[in-house]
Protein backbone atom coordinates (compact mmCIF):
# COMPACT_ATOMS: atom_id res chain seq x y z
CA UNK A 1 0.00 0.00 0.00
CA UNK A 2 1.43 3.34 -1.04
CA UNK A 3 -0.42 6.49 0.01
CA UNK A 4 0.77 10.01 -0.80
CA UNK A 5 -0.82 13.14 0.62
CA UNK A 6 -0.21 16.21 -1.51
CA UNK A 7 -0.98 19.90 -1.49
CA UNK A 8 -1.71 21.29 -4.95
CA UNK A 9 -1.89 24.96 -5.79
CA UNK A 10 -3.90 25.74 -8.91
CA UNK A 11 -4.49 29.11 -10.57
CA UNK A 12 -8.03 30.05 -9.48
CA UNK A 13 -9.26 30.49 -13.08
CA UNK A 14 -8.33 26.83 -13.75
CA UNK A 15 -9.58 25.35 -10.46
CA UNK A 16 -12.80 23.80 -11.76
CA UNK A 17 -11.19 22.16 -14.79
CA UNK A 18 -8.15 21.02 -12.77
CA UNK A 19 -10.39 19.51 -10.10
CA UNK A 20 -12.25 17.55 -12.76
CA UNK A 21 -9.00 16.32 -14.32
CA UNK A 22 -7.65 15.25 -10.94
CA UNK A 23 -10.89 13.49 -10.00
CA UNK A 24 -10.91 11.64 -13.32
CA UNK A 25 -7.38 10.32 -12.70
CA UNK A 26 -7.34 6.75 -11.30
CA UNK A 27 -5.85 6.61 -7.81
CA UNK A 28 -6.50 10.29 -7.06
CA UNK A 29 -8.98 11.71 -4.55
CA UNK A 30 -9.53 15.36 -3.69
CA UNK A 31 -10.27 15.71 0.01
CA UNK A 32 -10.47 19.50 0.30
CA UNK A 33 -10.45 22.55 -1.92
CA UNK A 34 -10.29 26.27 -1.16
CA UNK A 35 -11.60 29.20 -3.18
CA UNK A 36 -8.06 30.40 -3.87
CA UNK A 37 -7.10 27.16 -5.66
CA UNK A 38 -5.48 25.02 -2.98
CA UNK A 39 -6.31 21.30 -3.00
CA UNK A 40 -5.62 18.51 -0.56
CA UNK A 41 -5.11 15.46 -2.75
CA UNK A 42 -4.43 11.82 -1.91
CA UNK A 43 -2.69 9.69 -4.52
CA UNK A 44 -2.42 5.90 -4.29
CA UNK A 45 -0.77 3.25 -6.43
CA UNK A 46 -3.07 1.60 -8.96
CA UNK A 47 -2.50 -1.68 -10.78
CA UNK A 48 -1.47 0.35 -13.85
CA UNK A 49 0.64 3.16 -12.34
CA UNK A 50 2.74 3.99 -9.33
CA UNK A 51 1.63 6.93 -7.20
CA UNK A 52 4.88 8.73 -8.04
CA UNK A 53 4.07 8.52 -11.76
CA UNK A 54 0.56 9.83 -11.17
CA UNK A 55 1.93 12.74 -9.12
CA UNK A 56 4.22 13.68 -12.01
CA UNK A 57 1.19 13.57 -14.35
CA UNK A 58 -0.77 15.90 -12.04
CA UNK A 59 1.94 18.52 -12.49
CA UNK A 60 1.01 18.64 -16.19
CA UNK A 61 -2.64 19.57 -15.66
CA UNK A 62 -3.24 23.09 -17.01
CA UNK A 63 -3.31 25.65 -14.20
CA UNK A 64 -1.37 23.56 -11.67
CA UNK A 65 1.23 25.93 -10.24
CA UNK A 66 2.74 23.45 -7.78
CA UNK A 67 2.08 20.07 -6.27
CA UNK A 68 3.99 19.11 -3.14
CA UNK A 69 4.23 15.76 -1.39
CA UNK A 70 3.38 16.46 2.25
CA UNK A 71 2.76 12.95 3.57
CA UNK A 72 3.85 9.48 2.51
CA UNK A 73 2.92 6.09 3.91
CA UNK A 74 4.09 2.77 2.55
CA UNK A 75 3.68 -0.72 3.89
CA UNK A 76 3.92 -4.16 2.42
CA UNK A 77 0.44 -5.66 2.74
CA UNK A 78 1.93 -9.13 3.10
CA UNK A 79 3.60 -7.97 6.32
CA UNK A 80 0.36 -6.56 7.76
CA UNK A 81 -1.68 -9.74 7.63
CA UNK A 82 -2.36 -11.21 11.08
CA UNK A 83 -0.26 -14.24 11.88
CA UNK A 84 -1.74 -16.53 14.54
CA UNK A 85 1.70 -17.82 15.55
CA UNK A 86 3.24 -14.35 16.00
CA UNK A 87 4.12 -13.12 19.48
CA UNK A 88 1.93 -10.28 20.63
CA UNK A 89 3.48 -6.84 20.95
CA UNK A 90 2.72 -4.22 23.55
CA UNK A 91 1.03 -1.12 22.27
CA UNK A 92 2.23 1.28 24.95
CA UNK A 93 5.13 3.53 24.07
CA UNK A 94 5.54 4.63 27.65
CA UNK A 95 8.87 3.77 29.21
CA UNK A 96 8.68 1.43 32.14
CA UNK A 97 11.17 1.63 34.96
């Protein structure tokens, strides 16, 4: 699983068209948008493209001034499956004396 949180800045005159282009792109979701053309966008890998490739494509949408990666999370799904034989781990991060 590869999840990238991005902040896009789009020229306000292009915001509607850019939002449509982003929404039509597989693996892309717009989570917030401001009137001045800022977008909070999440990009995920798809079976056809890596998130990094999709992010580079988003830079090419007319009106996009900048698109910055602000959050990245990656984990191997095979490692996250529960294993009945695995030792349990404590969830507390508090130091014990």
